[in-house]
PDB file of N, CA and C in Angstrom:
ATOM      1  N   MET A   1     -29.200 -60.453 -16.620  1.00  0.00           N
ATOM      2  CA  MET A   1     -27.966 -59.677 -16.024  1.00  0.00           C
ATOM      3  C   MET A   1     -26.686 -59.416 -16.438  1.00  0.00           C
ATOM      4  N   LEU A   2     -26.217 -58.616 -16.174  1.00  0.00           N
ATOM      5  CA  LEU A   2     -24.737 -58.050 -16.754  1.00  0.00           C
ATOM      6  C   LEU A   2     -23.830 -58.404 -15.263  1.00  0.00           C
ATOM      7  N   ALA A   3     -22.460 -58.713 -15.749  1.00  0.00           N
ATOM      8  CA  ALA A   3     -21.870 -58.316 -14.752  1.00  0.00           C
ATOM      9  C   ALA A   3     -20.442 -58.869 -15.234  1.00  0.00           C
ATOM     10  N   ILE A   4     -19.636 -57.489 -14.192  1.00  0.00           N
ATOM     11  CA  ILE A   4     -18.424 -57.282 -14.824  1.00  0.00           C
ATOM     12  C   ILE A   4     -17.736 -57.663 -13.643  1.00  0.00           C
ATOM     13  N   ASN A   5     -16.657 -58.580 -13.306  1.00  0.00           N
ATOM     14  CA  ASN A   5     -15.689 -58.903 -12.461  1.00  0.00           C
ATOM     15  C   ASN A   5     -14.317 -59.319 -12.852  1.00  0.00           C
ATOM     16  N   HIS A   6     -13.201 -59.581 -11.866  1.00  0.00           N
ATOM     17  CA  HIS A   6     -12.156 -59.651 -12.348  1.00  0.00           C
ATOM     18  C   HIS A   6     -11.936 -60.826 -12.330  1.00  0.00           C
ATOM     19  N   ASN A   7     -11.230 -61.591 -13.645  1.00  0.00           N
ATOM     20  CA  ASN A   7     -10.866 -62.601 -14.090  1.00  0.00           C
ATOM     21  C   ASN A   7      -9.276 -63.163 -13.333  1.00  0.00           C
ATOM     22  N   ILE A   8      -9.400 -63.908 -12.695  1.00  0.00           N
ATOM     23  CA  ILE A   8      -8.196 -64.415 -11.744  1.00  0.00           C
ATOM     24  C   ILE A   8      -7.448 -65.672 -12.614  1.00  0.00           C
ATOM     25  N   ARG A   9      -7.806 -65.244 -13.693  1.00  0.00           N
ATOM     26  CA  ARG A   9      -6.843 -66.578 -14.305  1.00  0.00           C
ATOM     27  C   ARG A   9      -6.721 -65.477 -16.087  1.00  0.00           C
ATOM     28  N   SER A  10      -6.969 -64.368 -16.041  1.00  0.00           N
ATOM     29  CA  SER A  10      -6.334 -63.771 -17.042  1.00  0.00           C
ATOM     30  C   SER A  10      -4.751 -63.519 -17.039  1.00  0.00           C
ATOM     31  N   PHE A  11      -4.605 -62.937 -18.100  1.00  0.00           N
ATOM     32  CA  PHE A  11      -2.828 -63.124 -18.539  1.00  0.00           C
ATOM     33  C   PHE A  11      -2.116 -61.856 -17.490  1.00  0.00           C
ATOM     34  N   ILE A  12      -2.644 -61.116 -17.227  1.00  0.00           N
ATOM     35  CA  ILE A  12      -2.077 -59.886 -16.075  1.00  0.00           C
ATOM     36  C   ILE A  12      -1.725 -60.942 -15.156  1.00  0.00           C
ATOM     37  N   THR A  13      -2.972 -61.538 -14.939  1.00  0.00           N
ATOM     38  CA  THR A  13      -2.836 -62.413 -12.851  1.00  0.00           C
ATOM     39  C   THR A  13      -1.573 -63.790 -13.560  1.00  0.00           C
ATOM     40  N   LYS A  14      -1.586 -64.074 -14.369  1.00  0.00           N
ATOM     41  CA  LYS A  14      -0.742 -64.982 -14.774  1.00  0.00           C
ATOM     42  C   LYS A  14       0.676 -64.675 -14.408  1.00  0.00           C
ATOM     43  N   ILE A  15       0.789 -63.309 -15.311  1.00  0.00           N
ATOM     44  CA  ILE A  15       2.104 -62.505 -15.622  1.00  0.00           C
ATOM     45  C   ILE A  15       2.494 -61.816 -14.119  1.00  0.00           C
ATOM     46  N   LEU A  16       1.678 -61.689 -13.282  1.00  0.00           N
ATOM     47  CA  LEU A  16       2.303 -61.093 -12.176  1.00  0.00           C
ATOM     48  C   LEU A  16       2.033 -61.327 -10.653  1.00  0.00           C
ATOM     49  N   GLY A  17       1.184 -62.976 -10.981  1.00  0.00           N
ATOM     50  CA  GLY A  17       0.899 -63.682  -9.860  1.00  0.00           C
ATOM     51  C   GLY A  17       0.465 -63.520  -8.770  1.00  0.00           C
ATOM     52  N   GLU A  18       0.750 -63.172  -7.508  1.00  0.00           N
ATOM     53  CA  GLU A  18       0.356 -62.741  -5.961  1.00  0.00           C
ATOM     54  C   GLU A  18       0.170 -61.341  -5.664  1.00  0.00           C
ATOM     55  N   LYS A  19       1.360 -60.847  -7.183  1.00  0.00           N
ATOM     56  CA  LYS A  19       1.979 -59.689  -6.928  1.00  0.00           C
ATOM     57  C   LYS A  19       0.495 -58.858  -7.954  1.00  0.00           C
ATOM     58  N   SER A  20      -0.313 -59.392  -8.257  1.00  0.00           N
ATOM     59  CA  SER A  20      -1.709 -58.590  -8.873  1.00  0.00           C
ATOM     60  C   SER A  20      -2.011 -57.897  -8.002  1.00  0.00           C
ATOM     61  N   PRO A  21      -2.666 -56.895  -8.487  1.00  0.00           N
ATOM     62  CA  PRO A  21      -4.063 -55.968  -7.902  1.00  0.00           C
ATOM     63  C   PRO A  21      -5.101 -56.742  -7.131  1.00  0.00           C
ATOM     64  N   MET A  22      -5.015 -57.502  -7.597  1.00  0.00           N
ATOM     65  CA  MET A  22      -5.794 -58.519  -7.918  1.00  0.00           C
ATOM     66  C   MET A  22      -6.268 -59.596  -6.703  1.00  0.00           C
ATOM     67  N   TYR A  23      -5.188 -59.513  -5.594  1.00  0.00           N
ATOM     68  CA  TYR A  23      -5.043 -59.920  -4.483  1.00  0.00           C
ATOM     69  C   TYR A  23      -4.885 -59.124  -3.751  1.00  0.00           C
ATOM     70  N   ASP A  24      -5.907 -58.837  -3.374  1.00  0.00           N
ATOM     71  CA  ASP A  24      -6.484 -58.142  -1.812  1.00  0.00           C
ATOM     72  C   ASP A  24      -7.393 -57.996  -0.996  1.00  0.00           C
ATOM     73  N   ILE A  25      -7.235 -57.792   0.093  1.00  0.00           N
ATOM     74  CA  ILE A  25      -8.385 -57.574   0.985  1.00  0.00           C
ATOM     75  C   ILE A  25      -9.765 -57.105   0.702  1.00  0.00           C
ATOM     76  N   GLU A  26      -9.446 -55.901  -0.765  1.00  0.00           N
ATOM     77  CA  GLU A  26     -11.059 -55.607  -0.728  1.00  0.00           C
ATOM     78  C   GLU A  26     -11.553 -56.948  -2.046  1.00  0.00           C
ATOM     79  N   HIS A  27     -10.984 -57.773  -2.623  1.00  0.00           N
ATOM     80  CA  HIS A  27     -11.638 -59.001  -3.151  1.00  0.00           C
ATOM     81  C   HIS A  27     -11.622 -60.405  -2.437  1.00  0.00           C
ATOM     82  N   ILE A  28     -12.650 -60.195  -1.858  1.00  0.00           N
ATOM     83  CA  ILE A  28     -12.907 -61.430  -1.091  1.00  0.00           C
ATOM     84  C   ILE A  28     -13.584 -62.794  -1.575  1.00  0.00           C
ATOM     85  N   CYS A  29     -13.771 -62.471  -2.775  1.00  0.00           N
ATOM     86  CA  CYS A  29     -14.373 -63.944  -4.096  1.00  0.00           C
ATOM     87  C   CYS A  29     -13.369 -63.393  -5.328  1.00  0.00           C
ATOM     88  N   LEU A  30     -12.754 -64.338  -5.327  1.00  0.00           N
ATOM     89  CA  LEU A  30     -12.108 -64.132  -7.269  1.00  0.00           C
ATOM     90  C   LEU A  30     -12.734 -65.275  -7.807  1.00  0.00           C
ATOM     91  N   PHE A  31     -12.873 -64.842  -9.093  1.00  0.00           N
ATOM     92  CA  PHE A  31     -13.631 -65.652 -10.088  1.00  0.00           C
ATOM     93  C   PHE A  31     -12.756 -65.749 -11.596  1.00  0.00           C
ATOM     94  N   ASP A  32     -13.156 -67.238 -12.324  1.00  0.00           N
ATOM     95  CA  ASP A  32     -12.437 -67.684 -13.658  1.00  0.00           C
ATOM     96  C   ASP A  32     -13.611 -67.376 -14.456  1.00  0.00           C
ATOM     97  N   LYS A  33     -13.790 -67.876 -15.501  1.00  0.00           N
ATOM     98  CA  LYS A  33     -14.811 -67.933 -16.703  1.00  0.00           C
ATOM     99  C   LYS A  33     -15.866 -68.952 -15.789  1.00  0.00           C
ATOM    100  N   LYS A  34     -15.158 -69.846 -15.596  1.00  0.00           N
ATOM    101  CA  LYS A  34     -15.516 -71.499 -15.025  1.00  0.00           C
ATOM    102  C   LYS A  34     -16.279 -71.482 -14.135  1.00  0.00           C
ATOM    103  N   THR A  35     -15.765 -70.573 -12.750  1.00  0.00           N
ATOM    104  CA  THR A  35     -16.579 -70.635 -11.499  1.00  0.00           C
ATOM    105  C   THR A  35     -17.452 -69.589 -11.162  1.00  0.00           C
ATOM    106  N   ILE A  36     -17.906 -68.080 -12.485  1.00  0.00           N
ATOM    107  CA  ILE A  36     -18.675 -67.126 -12.670  1.00  0.00           C
ATOM    108  C   ILE A  36     -19.741 -68.064 -13.325  1.00  0.00           C
ATOM    109  N   ARG A  37     -19.473 -68.854 -14.199  1.00  0.00           N
ATOM    110  CA  ARG A  37     -20.547 -70.140 -15.265  1.00  0.00           C
ATOM    111  C   ARG A  37     -21.576 -70.711 -13.617  1.00  0.00           C
ATOM    112  N   THR A  38     -20.265 -71.537 -12.808  1.00  0.00           N
ATOM    113  CA  THR A  38     -21.303 -72.189 -12.217  1.00  0.00           C
ATOM    114  C   THR A  38     -22.150 -71.567 -11.181  1.00  0.00           C
ATOM    115  N   LEU A  39     -21.288 -70.474 -10.273  1.00  0.00           N
ATOM    116  CA  LEU A  39     -22.611 -69.819  -9.624  1.00  0.00           C
ATOM    117  C   LEU A  39     -23.601 -69.116 -10.589  1.00  0.00           C
ATOM    118  N   CYS A  40     -23.436 -68.625 -11.448  1.00  0.00           N
ATOM    119  CA  CYS A  40     -24.756 -68.323 -12.251  1.00  0.00           C
ATOM    120  C   CYS A  40     -25.820 -69.867 -12.886  1.00  0.00           C
ATOM    121  N   ASN A  41     -25.426 -70.324 -13.004  1.00  0.00           N
ATOM    122  CA  ASN A  41     -26.116 -71.158 -13.307  1.00  0.00           C
ATOM    123  C   ASN A  41     -26.432 -71.557 -12.262  1.00  0.00           C
ATOM    124  N   SER A  42     -25.824 -72.216 -11.021  1.00  0.00           N
ATOM    125  CA  SER A  42     -26.503 -72.818  -9.758  1.00  0.00           C
ATOM    126  C   SER A  42     -27.405 -71.869  -8.977  1.00  0.00           C
ATOM    127  N   ASN A  43     -27.385 -71.178  -9.579  1.00  0.00           N
ATOM    128  CA  ASN A  43     -28.717 -69.543  -8.943  1.00  0.00           C
ATOM    129  C   ASN A  43     -29.108 -69.377  -9.943  1.00  0.00           C
ATOM    130  N   GLY A  44     -29.916 -70.238 -10.970  1.00  0.00           N
ATOM    131  CA  GLY A  44     -31.465 -70.022 -11.796  1.00  0.00           C
ATOM    132  C   GLY A  44     -30.934 -69.403 -12.936  1.00  0.00           C
ATOM    133  N   PHE A  45     -29.708 -69.006 -13.322  1.00  0.00           N
ATOM    134  CA  PHE A  45     -29.501 -67.824 -14.823  1.00  0.00           C
ATOM    135  C   PHE A  45     -28.618 -68.746 -15.899  1.00  0.00           C
ATOM    136  N   GLU A  46     -29.087 -68.921 -17.005  1.00  0.00           N
ATOM    137  CA  GLU A  46     -28.698 -69.426 -18.254  1.00  0.00           C
ATOM    138  C   GLU A  46     -27.175 -68.362 -18.367  1.00  0.00           C
ATOM    139  N   VAL A  47     -25.974 -68.798 -18.723  1.00  0.00           N
ATOM    140  CA  VAL A  47     -25.153 -67.955 -19.213  1.00  0.00           C
ATOM    141  C   VAL A  47     -25.218 -67.874 -20.369  1.00  0.00           C
ATOM    142  N   VAL A  48     -25.461 -66.597 -20.866  1.00  0.00           N
ATOM    143  CA  VAL A  48     -25.367 -66.160 -22.841  1.00  0.00           C
ATOM    144  C   VAL A  48     -23.644 -66.120 -23.386  1.00  0.00           C
ATOM    145  N   HIS A  49     -23.291 -65.286 -22.533  1.00  0.00           N
ATOM    146  CA  HIS A  49     -21.727 -64.512 -23.144  1.00  0.00           C
ATOM    147  C   HIS A  49     -20.492 -64.613 -21.709  1.00  0.00           C
ATOM    148  N   VAL A  50     -19.618 -64.916 -21.668  1.00  0.00           N
ATOM    149  CA  VAL A  50     -18.542 -64.496 -20.960  1.00  0.00           C
ATOM    150  C   VAL A  50     -17.404 -64.376 -21.971  1.00  0.00           C
ATOM    151  N   ALA A  51     -16.652 -63.448 -21.577  1.00  0.00           N
ATOM    152  CA  ALA A  51     -15.757 -62.673 -22.323  1.00  0.00           C
ATOM    153  C   ALA A  51     -14.702 -61.582 -21.367  1.00  0.00           C
ATOM    154  N   GLY A  52     -13.497 -61.395 -22.166  1.00  0.00           N
ATOM    155  CA  GLY A  52     -12.785 -60.695 -21.907  1.00  0.00           C
ATOM    156  C   GLY A  52     -13.218 -59.034 -22.050  1.00  0.00           C
ATOM    157  N   LEU A  53     -12.923 -58.096 -20.995  1.00  0.00           N
ATOM    158  CA  LEU A  53     -13.151 -56.880 -20.869  1.00  0.00           C
ATOM    159  C   LEU A  53     -12.014 -56.101 -20.657  1.00  0.00           C
ATOM    160  N   SER A  54     -11.422 -55.126 -21.481  1.00  0.00           N
ATOM    161  CA  SER A  54     -10.624 -54.088 -21.744  1.00  0.00           C
ATOM    162  C   SER A  54     -10.609 -53.228 -20.834  1.00  0.00           C
ATOM    163  N   ASN A  55      -9.617 -52.485 -20.404  1.00  0.00           N
ATOM    164  CA  ASN A  55     -10.516 -51.201 -19.007  1.00  0.00           C
ATOM    165  C   ASN A  55      -9.696 -50.135 -19.845  1.00  0.00           C
ATOM    166  N   SER A  56      -9.841 -49.066 -19.335  1.00  0.00           N
ATOM    167  CA  SER A  56      -9.012 -47.656 -19.624  1.00  0.00           C
ATOM    168  C   SER A  56      -8.638 -47.356 -18.502  1.00  0.00           C
ATOM    169  N   TYR A  57      -7.237 -46.688 -18.497  1.00  0.00           N
ATOM    170  CA  TYR A  57      -6.589 -46.227 -17.560  1.00  0.00           C
ATOM    171  C   TYR A  57      -5.793 -44.995 -18.070  1.00  0.00           C
ATOM    172  N   THR A  58      -5.448 -44.162 -16.583  1.00  0.00           N
ATOM    173  CA  THR A  58      -4.524 -43.092 -17.173  1.00  0.00           C
ATOM    174  C   THR A  58      -3.339 -43.927 -16.418  1.00  0.00           C
ATOM    175  N   LEU A  59      -2.133 -43.245 -17.154  1.00  0.00           N
ATOM    176  CA  LEU A  59      -0.961 -43.611 -17.030  1.00  0.00           C
ATOM    177  C   LEU A  59      -0.337 -43.711 -15.583  1.00  0.00           C
ATOM    178  N   ALA A  60      -0.889 -42.208 -14.997  1.00  0.00           N
ATOM    179  CA  ALA A  60      -0.586 -42.284 -13.358  1.00  0.00           C
ATOM    180  C   ALA A  60      -1.268 -43.546 -12.519  1.00  0.00           C
ATOM    181  N   TYR A  61      -2.732 -43.874 -12.694  1.00  0.00           N
ATOM    182  CA  TYR A  61      -3.343 -44.815 -11.979  1.00  0.00           C
ATOM    183  C   TYR A  61      -2.763 -46.235 -12.229  1.00  0.00           C
ATOM    184  N   ALA A  62      -2.177 -46.602 -13.670  1.00  0.00           N
ATOM    185  CA  ALA A  62      -1.668 -47.866 -13.592  1.00  0.00           C
ATOM    186  C   ALA A  62      -0.171 -48.232 -12.879  1.00  0.00           C
ATOM    187  N   ALA A  63       0.713 -46.555 -12.938  1.00  0.00           N
ATOM    188  CA  ALA A  63       1.411 -46.420 -11.922  1.00  0.00           C
ATOM    189  C   ALA A  63       1.520 -47.077 -10.466  1.00  0.00           C
ATOM    190  N   LYS A  64       0.380 -46.583 -10.310  1.00  0.00           N
ATOM    191  CA  LYS A  64       0.012 -46.392  -9.242  1.00  0.00           C
ATOM    192  C   LYS A  64      -0.254 -47.790  -8.172  1.00  0.00           C
ATOM    193  N   MET A  65      -0.872 -48.461  -9.415  1.00  0.00           N
ATOM    194  CA  MET A  65      -1.161 -50.420  -9.095  1.00  0.00           C
ATOM    195  C   MET A  65      -0.504 -50.858  -9.572  1.00  0.00           C
ATOM    196  N   PHE A  66       0.515 -50.601 -10.194  1.00  0.00           N
ATOM    197  CA  PHE A  66       1.522 -51.999 -10.876  1.00  0.00           C
ATOM    198  C   PHE A  66       2.759 -52.299  -9.683  1.00  0.00           C
ATOM    199  N   PRO A  67       2.818 -53.821  -9.286  1.00  0.00           N
ATOM    200  CA  PRO A  67       3.618 -53.744  -8.324  1.00  0.00           C
ATOM    201  C   PRO A  67       5.020 -53.364  -8.235  1.00  0.00           C
ATOM    202  N   LEU A  68       5.508 -52.374  -8.095  1.00  0.00           N
ATOM    203  CA  LEU A  68       6.625 -52.118  -7.407  1.00  0.00           C
ATOM    204  C   LEU A  68       7.253 -51.405  -6.192  1.00  0.00           C
ATOM    205  N   PRO A  69       8.171 -51.447  -5.832  1.00  0.00           N
ATOM    206  CA  PRO A  69       8.400 -50.497  -4.157  1.00  0.00           C
ATOM    207  C   PRO A  69       7.651 -49.492  -4.320  1.00  0.00           C
ATOM    208  N   SER A  70       7.295 -48.912  -3.258  1.00  0.00           N
ATOM    209  CA  SER A  70       7.016 -47.790  -2.505  1.00  0.00           C
ATOM    210  C   SER A  70       7.734 -46.563  -4.032  1.00  0.00           C
ATOM    211  N   PRO A  71       9.126 -46.283  -3.295  1.00  0.00           N
ATOM    212  CA  PRO A  71      10.270 -45.246  -3.711  1.00  0.00           C
ATOM    213  C   PRO A  71       9.954 -45.377  -5.156  1.00  0.00           C
ATOM    214  N   VAL A  72       9.855 -46.166  -5.835  1.00  0.00           N
ATOM    215  CA  VAL A  72      10.160 -46.176  -7.416  1.00  0.00           C
ATOM    216  C   VAL A  72       8.537 -45.671  -8.171  1.00  0.00           C
ATOM    217  N   LYS A  73       7.718 -46.717  -7.386  1.00  0.00           N
ATOM    218  CA  LYS A  73       6.281 -45.634  -7.827  1.00  0.00           C
ATOM    219  C   LYS A  73       6.261 -44.320  -7.898  1.00  0.00           C
ATOM    220  N   SER A  74       6.161 -44.068  -6.786  1.00  0.00           N
ATOM    221  CA  SER A  74       6.557 -42.512  -6.169  1.00  0.00           C
ATOM    222  C   SER A  74       7.244 -41.610  -6.796  1.00  0.00           C
ATOM    223  N   SER A  75       8.587 -42.241  -7.397  1.00  0.00           N
ATOM    224  CA  SER A  75       9.061 -41.756  -8.346  1.00  0.00           C
ATOM    225  C   SER A  75       8.289 -41.241  -9.965  1.00  0.00           C
ATOM    226  N   LEU A  76       7.804 -42.623 -10.697  1.00  0.00           N
ATOM    227  CA  LEU A  76       7.444 -42.949 -11.766  1.00  0.00           C
ATOM    228  C   LEU A  76       6.209 -41.989 -11.554  1.00  0.00           C
ATOM    229  N   VAL A  77       5.258 -41.779 -10.479  1.00  0.00           N
ATOM    230  CA  VAL A  77       4.001 -40.923 -10.634  1.00  0.00           C
ATOM    231  C   VAL A  77       4.342 -39.987 -10.939  1.00  0.00           C
ATOM    232  N   SER A  78       5.679 -39.304  -9.841  1.00  0.00           N
ATOM    233  CA  SER A  78       6.111 -37.604  -9.673  1.00  0.00           C
ATOM    234  C   SER A  78       6.460 -37.133 -11.351  1.00  0.00           C
ATOM    235  N   LEU A  79       7.222 -38.221 -11.646  1.00  0.00           N
ATOM    236  CA  LEU A  79       7.814 -37.630 -13.261  1.00  0.00           C
ATOM    237  C   LEU A  79       7.022 -37.959 -14.088  1.00  0.00           C
ATOM    238  N   LEU A  80       5.677 -38.913 -14.020  1.00  0.00           N
ATOM    239  CA  LEU A  80       5.015 -38.807 -14.958  1.00  0.00           C
ATOM    240  C   LEU A  80       4.054 -37.497 -14.952  1.00  0.00           C
ATOM    241  N   ALA A  81       3.417 -36.691 -13.867  1.00  0.00           N
ATOM    242  CA  ALA A  81       3.270 -35.872 -13.580  1.00  0.00           C
ATOM    243  C   ALA A  81       3.961 -34.644 -14.462  1.00  0.00           C
ATOM    244  N   ALA A  82       5.361 -34.273 -14.159  1.00  0.00           N
ATOM    245  CA  ALA A  82       5.861 -33.700 -14.390  1.00  0.00           C
ATOM    246  C   ALA A  82       6.163 -33.582 -16.099  1.00  0.00           C
ATOM    247  N   CYS A  83       6.070 -34.427 -16.570  1.00  0.00           N
ATOM    248  CA  CYS A  83       6.016 -34.749 -18.105  1.00  0.00           C
ATOM    249  C   CYS A  83       4.670 -34.470 -18.716  1.00  0.00           C
ATOM    250  N   LYS A  84       3.535 -33.791 -17.927  1.00  0.00           N
ATOM    251  CA  LYS A  84       2.112 -33.884 -18.037  1.00  0.00           C
ATOM    252  C   LYS A  84       1.584 -35.346 -18.993  1.00  0.00           C
ATOM    253  N   LEU A  85       2.447 -36.262 -18.670  1.00  0.00           N
ATOM    254  CA  LEU A  85       2.092 -38.172 -19.162  1.00  0.00           C
ATOM    255  C   LEU A  85       0.714 -38.556 -18.461  1.00  0.00           C
ATOM    256  N   ASP A  86       0.795 -38.044 -17.055  1.00  0.00           N
ATOM    257  CA  ASP A  86      -0.385 -39.119 -16.158  1.00  0.00           C
ATOM    258  C   ASP A  86      -1.699 -39.067 -16.111  1.00  0.00           C
ATOM    259  N   ASN A  87      -2.131 -38.321 -17.496  1.00  0.00           N
ATOM    260  CA  ASN A  87      -3.729 -38.136 -17.693  1.00  0.00           C
ATOM    261  C   ASN A  87      -3.589 -38.844 -18.855  1.00  0.00           C
ATOM    262  N   ILE A  88      -3.247 -39.348 -19.229  1.00  0.00           N
ATOM    263  CA  ILE A  88      -2.723 -40.007 -20.486  1.00  0.00           C
ATOM    264  C   ILE A  88      -3.798 -41.535 -20.527  1.00  0.00           C
ATOM    265  N   ASN A  89      -4.574 -41.744 -21.148  1.00  0.00           N
ATOM    266  CA  ASN A  89      -5.587 -43.026 -20.819  1.00  0.00           C
ATOM    267  C   ASN A  89      -4.902 -44.619 -21.908  1.00  0.00           C
ATOM    268  N   LEU A  90      -4.709 -45.255 -21.163  1.00  0.00           N
ATOM    269  CA  LEU A  90      -4.625 -46.682 -22.189  1.00  0.00           C
ATOM    270  C   LEU A  90      -5.425 -47.696 -21.965  1.00  0.00           C
ATOM    271  N   ARG A  91      -5.670 -48.128 -22.885  1.00  0.00           N
ATOM    272  CA  ARG A  91      -6.768 -49.042 -23.063  1.00  0.00           C
ATOM    273  C   ARG A  91      -5.632 -50.393 -23.191  1.00  0.00           C
ATOM    274  N   VAL A  92      -6.599 -51.353 -21.944  1.00  0.00           N
ATOM    275  CA  VAL A  92      -5.370 -52.184 -21.959  1.00  0.00           C
ATOM    276  C   VAL A  92      -5.948 -53.806 -20.899  1.00  0.00           C
ATOM    277  N   PRO A  93      -6.062 -54.756 -21.388  1.00  0.00           N
ATOM    278  CA  PRO A  93      -6.709 -55.894 -21.001  1.00  0.00           C
ATOM    279  C   PRO A  93      -6.268 -56.001 -19.572  1.00  0.00           C
ATOM    280  N   GLY A  94      -7.045 -55.445 -18.295  1.00  0.00           N
ATOM    281  CA  GLY A  94      -6.586 -55.281 -17.293  1.00  0.00           C
ATOM    282  C   GLY A  94      -7.459 -56.653 -16.526  1.00  0.00           C
ATOM    283  N   GLY A  95      -7.913 -57.582 -16.756  1.00  0.00           N
ATOM    284  CA  GLY A  95      -7.683 -58.850 -15.964  1.00  0.00           C
ATOM    285  C   GLY A  95      -9.529 -58.852 -15.922  1.00  0.00           C
ATOM    286  N   ASN A  96      -9.964 -58.042 -16.232  1.00  0.00           N
ATOM    287  CA  ASN A  96     -11.611 -57.676 -16.117  1.00  0.00           C
ATOM    288  C   ASN A  96     -12.303 -59.216 -17.153  1.00  0.00           C
ATOM    289  N   MET A  97     -13.495 -59.571 -16.973  1.00  0.00           N
ATOM    290  CA  MET A  97     -14.449 -60.366 -17.666  1.00  0.00           C
ATOM    291  C   MET A  97     -15.609 -59.976 -17.791  1.00  0.00           C
ATOM    292  N   VAL A  98     -16.487 -59.675 -18.937  1.00  0.00           N
ATOM    293  CA  VAL A  98     -17.916 -59.637 -18.582  1.00  0.00           C
ATOM    294  C   VAL A  98     -19.083 -60.674 -18.897  1.00  0.00           C
ATOM    295  N   THR A  99     -19.956 -60.617 -18.111  1.00  0.00           N
ATOM    296  CA  THR A  99     -20.779 -62.645 -17.738  1.00  0.00           C
ATOM    297  C   THR A  99     -22.228 -61.637 -18.312  1.00  0.00           C
ATOM    298  N   VAL A 100     -22.659 -62.161 -19.185  1.00  0.00           N
ATOM    299  CA  VAL A 100     -24.028 -62.022 -19.623  1.00  0.00           C
ATOM    300  C   VAL A 100     -24.651 -63.663 -19.443  1.00  0.00           C
ATOM    301  N   CYS A 101     -26.299 -62.840 -18.772  1.00  0.00           N
ATOM    302  CA  CYS A 101     -26.889 -64.040 -18.485  1.00  0.00           C
ATOM    303  C   CYS A 101     -28.612 -64.006 -18.112  1.00  0.00           C
ATOM    304  N   HIS A 102     -29.452 -64.586 -17.961  1.00  0.00           N
ATOM    305  CA  HIS A 102     -30.938 -64.277 -17.697  1.00  0.00           C
ATOM    306  C   HIS A 102     -31.436 -65.339 -17.007  1.00  0.00           C
ATOM    307  N   LYS A 103     -32.477 -65.067 -16.534  1.00  0.00           N
ATOM    308  CA  LYS A 103     -33.633 -65.955 -15.503  1.00  0.00           C
ATOM    309  C   LYS A 103     -33.708 -67.283 -16.232  1.00  0.00           C
ATOM    310  N   ILE A 104     -33.271 -68.293 -15.724  1.00  0.00           N
ATOM    311  CA  ILE A 104     -33.936 -69.501 -16.227  1.00  0.00           C
ATOM    312  C   ILE A 104     -36.089 -69.357 -15.960  1.00  0.00           C
TER     313      ILE A 104
END
């Protein structure tokens, strides 16, 4: 089994706290490396690997997701588009992790 999910104890979450995009109504279960291991093990899986996973975001998407006041966010997104920088990709540690396990 391969699972990719947010790591609630990631660096970005430590910096942003509850302003992190991970804390929203769409994410009803939040995991860290310990809890994903526990979940897998308690359901008959042996965890082979758990690690952080970098994400690729455009500058526009990163600006939309960053916890800024709406007027600042809108202005920043517009500025990026006007400068033709909005579709530049960034590879960042966005707070996700990957888990590999197999059924025992």
